[in-house]
Protein backbone atom coordinates (compact mmCIF):
# COMPACT_ATOMS: atom_id res chain seq x y z
CA UNK A 1 9.70 108.79 102.23
CA UNK A 2 13.15 107.88 103.48
CA UNK A 3 16.24 110.08 103.23
CA UNK A 4 18.55 107.26 102.20
CA UNK A 5 19.71 105.68 98.91
CA UNK A 6 17.52 102.97 97.47
CA UNK A 7 20.67 101.09 96.41
CA UNK A 8 22.17 100.76 99.90
CA UNK A 9 18.84 100.13 101.63
CA UNK A 10 18.00 97.17 99.38
CA UNK A 11 21.33 95.31 99.36
CA UNK A 12 22.74 92.63 101.62
CA UNK A 13 25.37 93.72 104.15
CA UNK A 14 29.03 93.16 103.29
CA UNK A 15 29.94 90.06 105.26
CA UNK A 16 33.72 89.85 104.82
CA UNK A 17 35.02 93.05 106.44
CA UNK A 18 38.07 92.53 108.65
CA UNK A 19 37.74 93.36 112.34
CA UNK A 20 40.26 94.76 114.78
CA UNK A 21 43.52 96.55 114.04
CA UNK A 22 44.97 96.98 110.57
CA UNK A 23 48.17 95.01 109.84
CA UNK A 24 51.47 96.78 110.34
CA UNK A 25 52.72 95.95 106.82
CA UNK A 26 51.19 95.48 103.40
CA UNK A 27 52.46 95.47 99.85
CA UNK A 28 49.66 97.84 98.74
CA UNK A 29 47.19 99.99 100.64
CA UNK A 30 44.09 101.03 98.71
CA UNK A 31 42.36 104.11 100.14
CA UNK A 32 38.65 104.12 99.35
CA UNK A 33 36.12 101.29 99.13
CA UNK A 34 34.04 102.44 96.18
CA UNK A 35 34.04 100.76 92.79
CA UNK A 36 37.50 102.11 91.91
CA UNK A 37 39.22 100.88 95.05
CA UNK A 38 37.35 97.58 95.22
CA UNK A 39 38.20 96.77 91.61
CA UNK A 40 41.86 97.60 92.23
CA UNK A 41 41.93 95.48 95.38
CA UNK A 42 40.36 92.54 93.54
CA UNK A 43 42.91 92.75 90.71
CA UNK A 44 45.88 93.07 93.08
CA UNK A 45 44.69 90.16 95.20
CA UNK A 46 44.16 88.01 92.10
CA UNK A 47 47.85 88.54 91.37
CA UNK A 48 48.84 87.36 94.83
CA UNK A 49 49.76 90.85 96.07
CA UNK A 50 49.23 91.50 99.78
CA UNK A 51 46.53 94.19 99.71
CA UNK A 52 44.78 96.17 102.45
CA UNK A 53 41.79 98.36 101.59
CA UNK A 54 40.76 101.14 103.98
CA UNK A 55 37.23 102.57 103.75
CA UNK A 56 36.10 105.49 105.92
CA UNK A 57 32.49 104.26 106.06
CA UNK A 58 30.91 101.21 104.47
CA UNK A 59 31.99 99.78 101.12
CA UNK A 60 30.27 101.24 98.05
CA UNK A 61 28.12 103.54 100.18
CA UNK A 62 29.43 106.95 99.09
CA UNK A 63 29.34 107.97 95.41
CA UNK A 64 29.26 104.31 94.32
CA UNK A 65 26.02 103.74 96.22
CA UNK A 66 24.43 107.17 95.79
CA UNK A 67 24.10 107.51 92.01
CA UNK A 68 21.37 107.12 89.41
CA UNK A 69 22.13 103.52 88.48
CA UNK A 70 23.31 104.15 84.90
CA UNK A 71 26.28 102.34 83.39
CA UNK A 72 26.50 104.13 80.04
CA UNK A 73 29.21 104.30 77.42
CA UNK A 74 30.32 107.63 76.03
CA UNK A 75 32.33 110.49 77.48
CA UNK A 76 30.84 113.07 79.84
CA UNK A 77 31.52 115.78 77.24
CA UNK A 78 29.95 115.95 73.77
CA UNK A 79 32.21 114.10 71.33
CA UNK A 80 32.30 116.99 68.86
CA UNK A 81 33.27 119.48 71.54
CA UNK A 82 35.86 117.09 72.92
CA UNK A 83 37.32 116.54 69.45
CA UNK A 84 37.66 120.31 69.02
CA UNK A 85 39.80 120.41 72.17
CA UNK A 86 41.94 117.27 71.91
CA UNK A 87 41.62 116.19 68.27
CA UNK A 88 39.30 113.62 66.74
CA UNK A 89 41.66 110.66 67.13
CA UNK A 90 42.16 111.27 70.85
CA UNK A 91 38.46 111.96 71.38
CA UNK A 92 37.58 108.64 69.73
CA UNK A 93 40.20 106.85 71.83
CA UNK A 94 38.72 108.27 75.02
CA UNK A 95 35.21 107.38 73.85
CA UNK A 96 36.39 103.83 73.24
CA UNK A 97 37.67 103.60 76.81
CA UNK A 98 34.10 103.99 78.05
CA UNK A 99 32.98 101.18 75.73
CA UNK A 100 35.70 99.06 77.31
CA UNK A 101 34.58 100.18 80.77
CA UNK A 102 31.01 98.93 80.27
CA UNK A 103 32.41 95.68 78.87
CA UNK A 104 34.62 95.40 81.98
CA UNK A 105 31.65 95.77 84.33
CA UNK A 106 29.73 93.12 82.40
CA UNK A 107 32.71 90.74 82.48
CA UNK A 108 33.23 91.27 86.22
CA UNK A 109 29.57 90.65 86.98
CA UNK A 110 29.73 87.42 85.00
CA UNK A 111 33.09 86.22 86.36
CA UNK A 112 32.14 86.84 89.99
CA UNK A 113 28.46 85.82 89.59
CA UNK A 114 27.26 89.11 91.08
CA UNK A 115 23.46 89.23 91.36
CA UNK A 116 22.83 92.90 90.50
CA UNK A 117 20.21 92.95 87.72
CA UNK A 118 22.81 93.88 85.11
CA UNK A 119 21.16 94.43 81.74
CA UNK A 120 22.52 96.01 78.59
CA UNK A 121 19.49 97.92 77.33
CA UNK A 122 21.03 101.16 76.06
CA UNK A 123 20.58 104.86 76.66
CA UNK A 124 18.39 107.55 75.10
CA UNK A 125 19.46 111.18 75.00
CA UNK A 126 16.31 113.28 74.96
CA UNK A 127 15.81 116.74 73.43
CA UNK A 128 14.34 118.74 76.31
CA UNK A 129 13.41 121.71 74.08
CA UNK A 130 12.21 121.91 70.50
CA UNK A 131 15.20 124.13 69.75
CA UNK A 132 17.51 121.27 70.74
CA UNK A 133 16.27 118.84 68.07
CA UNK A 134 18.46 119.95 65.19
CA UNK A 135 21.58 119.98 67.35
CA UNK A 136 20.76 116.56 68.75
CA UNK A 137 20.26 115.19 65.25
CA UNK A 138 23.61 116.59 64.08
CA UNK A 139 25.31 115.21 67.16
CA UNK A 140 23.74 111.81 66.51
CA UNK A 141 24.91 111.80 62.90
CA UNK A 142 28.45 112.62 64.02
CA UNK A 143 28.40 109.91 66.69
CA UNK A 144 27.00 107.35 64.25
CA UNK A 145 29.69 108.14 61.70
CA UNK A 146 32.61 108.11 64.13
CA UNK A 147 31.89 105.83 67.12
CA UNK A 148 28.25 104.65 67.40
CA UNK A 149 27.30 102.84 64.17
CA UNK A 150 24.15 101.37 65.73
CA UNK A 151 22.78 104.72 66.93
CA UNK A 152 19.15 105.45 66.00
CA UNK A 153 17.48 108.87 65.80
CA UNK A 154 13.85 109.04 66.94
CA UNK A 155 11.55 111.92 66.08
CA UNK A 156 8.85 112.93 68.55
CA UNK A 157 6.31 110.43 67.22
CA UNK A 158 8.73 107.50 67.24
CA UNK A 159 9.97 108.48 70.70
CA UNK A 160 6.56 107.67 72.16
CA UNK A 161 7.35 103.96 71.76
CA UNK A 162 10.21 104.45 74.25
CA UNK A 163 9.26 107.34 76.55
CA UNK A 164 5.63 108.41 76.72
CA UNK A 165 6.00 112.07 77.64
CA UNK A 166 5.17 115.36 75.97
CA UNK A 167 8.23 116.92 77.63
CA UNK A 168 10.64 115.64 74.98
CA UNK A 169 10.89 116.41 71.29
CA UNK A 170 13.27 113.77 69.87
CA UNK A 171 15.89 111.31 71.01
CA UNK A 172 18.94 109.32 69.99
CA UNK A 173 19.28 105.71 71.12
CA UNK A 174 22.77 104.42 71.93
CA UNK A 175 22.40 100.68 72.52
CA UNK A 176 25.68 99.85 74.30
CA UNK A 177 24.72 101.35 77.67
CA UNK A 178 23.76 99.23 80.65
CA UNK A 179 22.18 99.47 84.08
CA UNK A 180 22.36 97.53 87.32
CA UNK A 181 21.55 97.61 91.02
CA UNK A 182 24.48 99.66 92.29
CA UNK A 183 24.28 98.52 95.91
CA UNK A 184 24.27 94.83 95.10
CA UNK A 185 27.05 95.30 92.55
CA UNK A 186 29.17 97.16 95.11
CA UNK A 187 28.77 94.53 97.82
CA UNK A 188 29.33 91.77 95.25
CA UNK A 189 32.55 93.43 94.13
CA UNK A 190 33.69 93.77 97.74
CA UNK A 191 32.93 90.12 98.48
CA UNK A 192 34.84 89.13 95.34
CA UNK A 193 37.90 91.17 96.37
CA UNK A 194 37.83 89.65 99.86
CA UNK A 195 37.35 86.16 98.45
CA UNK A 196 40.44 86.71 96.28
CA UNK A 197 42.45 87.65 99.38
CA UNK A 198 42.19 91.42 99.91
CA UNK A 199 41.87 92.56 103.54
CA UNK A 200 39.03 95.11 103.62
CA UNK A 201 38.53 97.35 106.65
CA UNK A 202 35.38 99.45 107.00
CA UNK A 203 35.09 102.48 109.31
CA UNK A 204 38.83 103.02 108.93
CA UNK A 205 39.27 106.62 107.71
CA UNK A 206 42.76 107.61 106.66
CA UNK A 207 43.95 110.51 108.82
CA UNK A 208 47.54 110.76 107.63
CA UNK A 209 49.96 109.57 104.92
CA UNK A 210 53.69 109.96 105.51
CA UNK A 211 56.36 109.21 102.93
CA UNK A 212 59.21 107.16 104.38
CA UNK A 213 62.80 106.68 103.21
CA UNK A 214 62.99 104.14 100.40
CA UNK A 215 59.64 105.13 98.84
CA UNK A 216 57.30 103.45 101.30
CA UNK A 217 54.40 105.22 103.01
CA UNK A 218 52.97 105.03 106.49
CA UNK A 219 49.16 105.26 106.39
CA UNK A 220 47.50 106.32 109.64
CA UNK A 221 43.99 105.31 110.72
CA UNK A 222 42.09 105.08 114.03
CA UNK A 223 42.55 101.31 113.73
CA UNK A 224 46.34 101.55 113.61
CA UNK A 225 49.08 102.35 111.13
CA UNK A 226 50.15 100.31 108.13
CA UNK A 227 53.38 100.72 106.17
CA UNK A 228 52.97 99.95 102.47
CA UNK A 229 55.26 99.63 99.48
CA UNK A 230 52.58 101.37 97.36
CA UNK A 231 49.44 103.40 98.04
CA UNK A 232 46.50 103.84 95.66
CA UNK A 233 44.12 106.75 96.29
CA UNK A 234 40.59 105.98 95.13
CA UNK A 235 38.90 108.58 97.29
CA UNK A 236 36.46 110.33 94.96
CA UNK A 237 35.94 113.98 95.93
CA UNK A 238 38.10 113.57 99.08
CA UNK A 239 36.07 115.90 101.27
CA UNK A 240 37.85 114.71 104.42
CA UNK A 241 41.33 113.42 105.12
CA UNK A 242 44.87 114.32 104.02
CA UNK A 243 44.03 114.70 100.33
CA UNK A 244 44.43 118.44 99.73
CA UNK A 245 46.35 117.84 96.50
CA UNK A 246 43.32 116.06 95.01
CA UNK A 247 40.81 118.52 96.49
CA UNK A 248 42.52 121.42 94.69
CA UNK A 249 42.11 119.63 91.36
CA UNK A 250 38.55 118.31 91.54
CA UNK A 251 35.25 120.04 92.20
CA UNK A 252 32.75 118.32 94.51
CA UNK A 253 29.31 118.60 92.88
CA UNK A 254 26.00 117.48 94.38
CA UNK A 255 23.56 115.39 92.41
CA UNK A 256 20.18 114.41 93.80
CA UNK A 257 17.82 111.50 93.19
CA UNK A 258 14.39 110.20 94.12
CA UNK A 259 12.93 106.70 93.77
CA UNK A 260 9.21 106.11 93.50
CA UNK A 261 7.22 103.29 94.96
CA UNK A 262 7.00 100.34 92.54
CA UNK A 263 4.89 101.16 89.49
CA UNK A 264 2.10 98.95 88.22
CA UNK A 265 2.44 97.32 84.82
CA UNK A 266 -0.10 99.84 83.54
CA UNK A 267 1.97 102.77 84.83
CA UNK A 268 5.11 101.38 83.21
CA UNK A 269 3.26 101.00 79.91
CA UNK A 270 2.11 104.61 80.19
CA UNK A 271 5.58 106.04 80.79
CA UNK A 272 8.76 104.00 80.18
CA UNK A 273 7.99 101.14 77.80
CA UNK A 274 11.56 101.10 76.45
CA UNK A 275 13.08 100.66 79.96
CA UNK A 276 16.30 102.36 78.81
CA UNK A 277 18.52 104.81 80.66
CA UNK A 278 17.42 108.35 79.83
CA UNK A 279 19.31 111.64 79.98
CA UNK A 280 18.23 115.07 78.76
CA UNK A 281 19.99 117.73 76.71
CA UNK A 282 19.82 120.55 79.25
CA UNK A 283 22.94 121.58 81.18
CA UNK A 284 20.85 121.32 84.34
CA UNK A 285 18.97 118.31 83.11
CA UNK A 286 17.65 115.05 84.43
CA UNK A 287 18.42 111.36 84.19
CA UNK A 288 16.04 108.52 84.90
CA UNK A 289 15.40 104.80 84.50
CA UNK A 290 13.30 101.95 85.83
CA UNK A 291 14.58 99.37 88.30
CA UNK A 292 13.97 95.64 88.12
CA UNK A 293 11.13 96.08 90.64
CA UNK A 294 9.60 98.87 88.51
CA UNK A 295 10.59 101.90 90.58
CA UNK A 296 11.35 105.05 88.65
CA UNK A 297 14.78 106.42 89.64
CA UNK A 298 14.72 110.12 88.75
CA UNK A 299 17.68 112.42 89.34
CA UNK A 300 19.43 115.61 88.40
CA UNK A 301 21.28 118.66 89.64
CA UNK A 302 18.17 120.05 91.26
CA UNK A 303 20.29 122.52 93.24
CA UNK A 304 23.96 123.52 93.01
CA UNK A 305 24.74 122.42 96.55
CA UNK A 306 26.41 119.53 98.32
CA UNK A 307 24.49 116.64 99.80
CA UNK A 308 23.27 116.55 103.39
CA UNK A 309 19.85 115.55 104.80
CA UNK A 310 18.36 119.06 104.58
CA UNK A 311 19.78 119.64 101.10
CA UNK A 312 18.59 116.24 99.92
CA UNK A 313 15.05 116.95 101.13
CA UNK A 314 14.91 120.34 99.38
CA UNK A 315 16.30 118.85 96.18
CA UNK A 316 13.90 115.92 96.38
CA UNK A 317 10.95 118.32 96.41
CA UNK A 318 12.24 119.99 93.24
CA UNK A 319 12.74 116.60 91.56
CA UNK A 320 9.22 115.54 92.54
CA UNK A 321 7.80 118.56 90.71
CA UNK A 322 9.97 117.91 87.64
CA UNK A 323 8.99 114.23 87.61
CA UNK A 324 5.32 115.21 87.67
CA UNK A 325 5.88 117.61 84.77
CA UNK A 326 7.57 114.89 82.73
CA UNK A 327 5.17 112.07 83.65
CA UNK A 328 1.81 113.48 84.79
CA UNK A 329 0.48 109.91 84.95
CA UNK A 330 2.72 109.30 87.97
CA UNK A 331 1.64 112.34 89.98
CA UNK A 332 -0.06 110.21 92.63
CA UNK A 333 2.77 107.67 92.97
CA UNK A 334 4.59 108.12 96.31
CA UNK A 335 8.30 108.81 96.58
CA UNK A 336 9.87 106.09 98.73
CA UNK A 337 13.51 107.28 98.75
CA UNK A 338 15.31 110.60 98.41
CA UNK A 339 19.08 110.98 98.49
CA UNK A 340 22.04 112.92 97.23
CA UNK A 341 25.60 112.12 96.25
CA UNK A 342 28.79 114.02 95.59
CA UNK A 343 30.59 113.78 92.24
CA UNK A 344 34.26 114.61 91.76
CA UNK A 345 34.29 116.80 88.66
CA UNK A 346 37.28 118.03 86.67
CA UNK A 347 37.05 121.24 84.61
CA UNK A 348 37.15 119.28 81.33
CA UNK A 349 34.99 116.44 82.74
CA UNK A 350 37.68 113.88 81.94
CA UNK A 351 39.04 111.53 84.64
CA UNK A 352 42.63 111.54 85.83
CA UNK A 353 44.85 108.67 86.87
CA UNK A 354 48.57 108.61 87.56
CA UNK A 355 51.18 109.08 90.28
CA UNK A 356 52.10 112.07 92.45
CA UNK A 357 54.96 112.00 94.96
CA UNK A 358 54.89 108.23 95.02
CA UNK A 359 51.11 107.97 95.49
CA UNK A 360 49.00 106.39 92.74
CA UNK A 361 45.52 107.85 92.16
CA UNK A 362 42.39 107.64 90.00
CA UNK A 363 39.85 110.42 90.53
CA UNK A 364 37.71 113.00 88.72
CA UNK A 365 35.25 110.56 87.18
CA UNK A 366 32.79 113.44 86.67
CA UNK A 367 29.50 111.60 86.98
CA UNK A 368 30.50 108.63 84.82
CA UNK A 369 32.08 106.58 87.58
CA UNK A 370 29.60 103.70 87.67
CA UNK A 371 31.08 102.40 84.42
CA UNK A 372 34.61 103.84 84.47
CA UNK A 373 35.57 103.33 88.11
CA UNK A 374 36.04 99.57 88.02
CA UNK A 375 37.88 99.75 84.71
CA UNK A 376 40.39 102.41 85.80
CA UNK A 377 40.82 100.73 89.19
CA UNK A 378 41.80 97.52 87.44
CA UNK A 379 44.18 99.37 85.13
CA UNK A 380 45.90 101.22 87.98
CA UNK A 381 46.25 97.95 89.88
CA UNK A 382 48.11 96.60 86.87
CA UNK A 383 50.37 99.66 86.92
CA UNK A 384 51.16 99.07 90.59
CA UNK A 385 51.84 95.40 89.80
CA UNK A 386 54.49 96.42 87.28
CA UNK A 387 52.68 97.05 83.96
CA UNK A 388 53.91 100.59 83.38
CA UNK A 389 51.87 101.09 80.19
CA UNK A 390 48.51 99.88 81.58
CA UNK A 391 47.23 103.37 82.48
CA UNK A 392 45.22 104.72 79.50
CA UNK A 393 45.20 108.22 81.05
CA UNK A 394 48.95 108.50 81.64
CA UNK A 395 50.52 111.88 80.96
CA UNK A 396 47.35 113.98 81.14
CA UNK A 397 47.95 117.28 82.93
CA UNK A 398 46.23 117.56 86.31
CA UNK A 399 46.69 121.15 87.39
CA UNK A 400 45.21 122.85 90.43
CA UNK A 401 42.07 124.88 89.71
CA UNK A 402 42.79 128.59 90.18
CA UNK A 403 41.08 129.97 93.28
CA UNK A 404 39.91 126.53 94.42
CA UNK A 405 41.43 125.55 97.76
CA UNK A 406 38.89 122.91 98.78
CA UNK A 407 35.30 124.02 99.57
CA UNK A 408 33.48 124.84 96.30
CA UNK A 409 32.50 128.43 97.10
CA UNK A 410 31.73 129.12 93.44
CA UNK A 411 28.95 126.52 92.92
CA UNK A 412 26.07 129.06 93.04
CA UNK A 413 27.76 131.07 90.28
CA UNK A 414 28.25 127.92 88.19
CA UNK A 415 24.58 127.08 88.65
CA UNK A 416 23.49 130.56 87.58
CA UNK A 417 25.62 130.32 84.43
CA UNK A 418 24.21 126.94 83.42
CA UNK A 419 20.65 128.13 84.06
CA UNK A 420 21.31 131.05 81.77
CA UNK A 421 22.65 128.70 79.06
CA UNK A 422 19.54 126.51 79.36
CA UNK A 423 17.25 129.53 79.14
CA UNK A 424 19.11 130.86 76.11
CA UNK A 425 19.24 127.55 74.18
């Protein structure tokens, strides 16, 4: 078993990174080489805008390369609950943005001929307790009426044709979701941005951003300083660097994942015949899917902690036990990979994108970044290029979280609360 992401270990290296010092001037500096930043850099370069992207590590190797491999439509929050907070019309508009986001990923994969096993096979939400069935059915009826006309409800007997497990009591199938190999998509997106003309620097962490007279910014890195007319922050949870403003508004949350050895055809037939993305109804639930080479990717918030090698190993052991409970037929299948990632959550689980003190940003993707990141990166690139109305999240308040100054000291308390809710439900 390896403590590394399956996605990054089974992709080709990015071959077009720039070497040496960063240029002294650029029209736009993009900070962050995940899906958000890479998509923005590609769009800017396609418009002939001189673009430099700075990535602290390797492209698409942080959150973009450390996730569960789902590319689902739908908001992170339940549509009914979201409608109660923002109104039905706005909730449906936000839901539609995620439909557009999955479409955008599919279009990008096709336009750039990215070999990443993209397939649009849908998602199943699974009732993890018998007491959840009625609520799941009502939720499905509401979704089908308002935004998901092709949704299908499956009772426990019908569910066996999709997921052969006694752990689940019903499910709703939402067919617009997709999946892909996240590592190969990330490198393919980076190669596309570079091919279009973006200058991408890896191992170039941003250590300072200074606003200059006239609205420009000086961006400082160990590879030199670059003065830019515009800066776009696509930094995710921003655990390091001069991004305190973002850190006070987003909560870094660990999520942990294991990948099995490849399953035999018989093992696939005994567990995941539908080959869809699966998520469960618990607050501290699980998500899982098969890869093109028949590995089961199985993840969840096994522990309310951040990711590091020791934390990943502890969480992987918990996930192994849960996987065996869900699929006893796979109890003897080895785990080949264990890893963790860090999400940037907002209190309402809705992303934010806009401008603060002359800096453009798109953050807070709250576990739905695989689909939404490229879409919002492209939209914010259009804003920077002069399309003022291209940002679909413009005007949304982005206030600091009371008592949150950076490190998430309150995560154990959040975990205890959600465990209580799951026990009570």
